[in-house]
Amino acid sequence: MENMISILSLLSLLFWLVPFVFIIWFLITFIKLQKEKNQILRTIADKMNKL
Protein backbone atom coordinates (compact mmCIF):
# COMPACT_ATOMS: atom_id res chain seq x y z
CA MET A 1 0.00 0.00 0.00
CA GLU A 2 2.83 2.40 0.78
CA ASN A 3 4.36 1.73 -2.63
CA MET A 4 1.09 2.63 -4.29
CA ILE A 5 0.88 5.91 -2.41
CA SER A 6 4.45 6.84 -3.34
CA ILE A 7 3.81 6.00 -7.00
CA LEU A 8 0.64 8.10 -7.00
CA SER A 9 2.44 11.03 -5.43
CA LEU A 10 5.16 10.81 -8.08
CA LEU A 11 2.56 10.66 -10.83
CA SER A 12 0.75 13.68 -9.47
CA LEU A 13 4.05 15.55 -9.36
CA LEU A 14 4.71 14.62 -12.98
CA PHE A 15 1.26 15.84 -14.04
CA TRP A 16 2.18 19.27 -12.69
CA LEU A 17 5.84 19.29 -13.67
CA VAL A 18 5.59 18.15 -17.29
CA PRO A 19 3.24 20.92 -18.49
CA PHE A 20 5.33 23.50 -16.66
CA VAL A 21 8.54 22.29 -18.34
CA PHE A 22 6.79 22.14 -21.72
CA ILE A 23 5.52 25.73 -21.39
CA ILE A 24 8.99 27.00 -20.47
CA TRP A 25 10.55 25.09 -23.40
CA PHE A 26 7.92 26.51 -25.76
CA LEU A 27 8.49 30.08 -24.56
CA ILE A 28 12.27 29.82 -24.92
CA THR A 29 11.93 28.40 -28.43
CA PHE A 30 9.40 31.07 -29.37
CA ILE A 31 11.63 33.88 -28.11
CA LYS A 32 14.63 32.50 -30.03
CA LEU A 33 12.58 32.32 -33.25
CA GLN A 34 11.32 35.87 -32.77
CA LYS A 35 14.88 37.16 -32.27
CA GLU A 36 15.99 35.40 -35.45
CA LYS A 37 13.01 36.79 -37.34
CA ASN A 38 13.77 40.33 -36.11
CA GLN A 39 17.38 39.99 -37.19
CA ILE A 40 16.34 38.90 -40.69
CA LEU A 41 13.84 41.78 -40.95
CA ARG A 42 16.47 44.23 -39.74
CA THR A 43 18.86 42.99 -42.45
CA ILE A 44 16.18 43.39 -45.11
CA ALA A 45 15.35 46.89 -43.87
CA ASP A 46 19.02 47.88 -43.95
CA LYS A 47 19.37 46.64 -47.52
CA MET A 48 16.26 48.55 -48.58
CA ASN A 49 17.55 51.74 -46.93
CA LYS A 50 20.75 51.49 -48.99
CA LEU A 51 18.73 51.54 -52.20
C-alpha atoms as a PDB file:
ATOM      1  CA  MET A   1       0.000   0.000   0.000  1.00  0.00           C
ATOM      2  CA  GLU A   2       2.830   2.396   0.776  1.00  0.00           C
ATOM      3  CA  ASN A   3       4.359   1.727  -2.633  1.00  0.00           C
ATOM      4  CA  MET A   4       1.093   2.629  -4.293  1.00  0.00           C
ATOM      5  CA  ILE A   5       0.883   5.913  -2.409  1.00  0.00           C
ATOM      6  CA  SER A   6       4.449   6.836  -3.338  1.00  0.00           C
ATOM      7  CA  ILE A   7       3.809   5.996  -7.001  1.00  0.00           C
ATOM      8  CA  LEU A   8       0.640   8.098  -6.999  1.00  0.00           C
ATOM      9  CA  SER A   9       2.435  11.032  -5.432  1.00  0.00           C
ATOM     10  CA  LEU A  10       5.160  10.807  -8.080  1.00  0.00           C
ATOM     11  CA  LEU A  11       2.561  10.665 -10.834  1.00  0.00           C
ATOM     12  CA  SER A  12       0.749  13.684  -9.474  1.00  0.00           C
ATOM     13  CA  LEU A  13       4.051  15.551  -9.358  1.00  0.00           C
ATOM     14  CA  LEU A  14       4.712  14.618 -12.977  1.00  0.00           C
ATOM     15  CA  PHE A  15       1.264  15.839 -14.036  1.00  0.00           C
ATOM     16  CA  TRP A  16       2.185  19.272 -12.685  1.00  0.00           C
ATOM     17  CA  LEU A  17       5.835  19.289 -13.673  1.00  0.00           C
ATOM     18  CA  VAL A  18       5.590  18.145 -17.294  1.00  0.00           C
ATOM     19  CA  PRO A  19       3.238  20.921 -18.490  1.00  0.00           C
ATOM     20  CA  PHE A  20       5.330  23.504 -16.659  1.00  0.00           C
ATOM     21  CA  VAL A  21       8.537  22.292 -18.344  1.00  0.00           C
ATOM     22  CA  PHE A  22       6.789  22.144 -21.721  1.00  0.00           C
ATOM     23  CA  ILE A  23       5.524  25.731 -21.391  1.00  0.00           C
ATOM     24  CA  ILE A  24       8.993  27.003 -20.466  1.00  0.00           C
ATOM     25  CA  TRP A  25      10.553  25.095 -23.400  1.00  0.00           C
ATOM     26  CA  PHE A  26       7.923  26.511 -25.759  1.00  0.00           C
ATOM     27  CA  LEU A  27       8.485  30.084 -24.559  1.00  0.00           C
ATOM     28  CA  ILE A  28      12.266  29.818 -24.915  1.00  0.00           C
ATOM     29  CA  THR A  29      11.927  28.396 -28.429  1.00  0.00           C
ATOM     30  CA  PHE A  30       9.397  31.069 -29.371  1.00  0.00           C
ATOM     31  CA  ILE A  31      11.635  33.876 -28.111  1.00  0.00           C
ATOM     32  CA  LYS A  32      14.634  32.504 -30.034  1.00  0.00           C
ATOM     33  CA  LEU A  33      12.583  32.319 -33.246  1.00  0.00           C
ATOM     34  CA  GLN A  34      11.325  35.872 -32.765  1.00  0.00           C
ATOM     35  CA  LYS A  35      14.879  37.158 -32.266  1.00  0.00           C
ATOM     36  CA  GLU A  36      15.993  35.400 -35.449  1.00  0.00           C
ATOM     37  CA  LYS A  37      13.005  36.793 -37.339  1.00  0.00           C
ATOM     38  CA  ASN A  38      13.770  40.329 -36.105  1.00  0.00           C
ATOM     39  CA  GLN A  39      17.380  39.988 -37.194  1.00  0.00           C
ATOM     40  CA  ILE A  40      16.337  38.904 -40.692  1.00  0.00           C
ATOM     41  CA  LEU A  41      13.837  41.776 -40.948  1.00  0.00           C
ATOM     42  CA  ARG A  42      16.472  44.231 -39.735  1.00  0.00           C
ATOM     43  CA  THR A  43      18.864  42.995 -42.449  1.00  0.00           C
ATOM     44  CA  ILE A  44      16.184  43.390 -45.108  1.00  0.00           C
ATOM     45  CA  ALA A  45      15.351  46.893 -43.869  1.00  0.00           C
ATOM     46  CA  ASP A  46      19.022  47.884 -43.946  1.00  0.00           C
ATOM     47  CA  LYS A  47      19.373  46.639 -47.517  1.00  0.00           C
ATOM     48  CA  MET A  48      16.261  48.550 -48.577  1.00  0.00           C
ATOM     49  CA  ASN A  49      17.550  51.743 -46.930  1.00  0.00           C
ATOM     50  CA  LYS A  50      20.749  51.488 -48.986  1.00  0.00           C
ATOM     51  CA  LEU A  51      18.730  51.543 -52.201  1.00  0.00           C
END
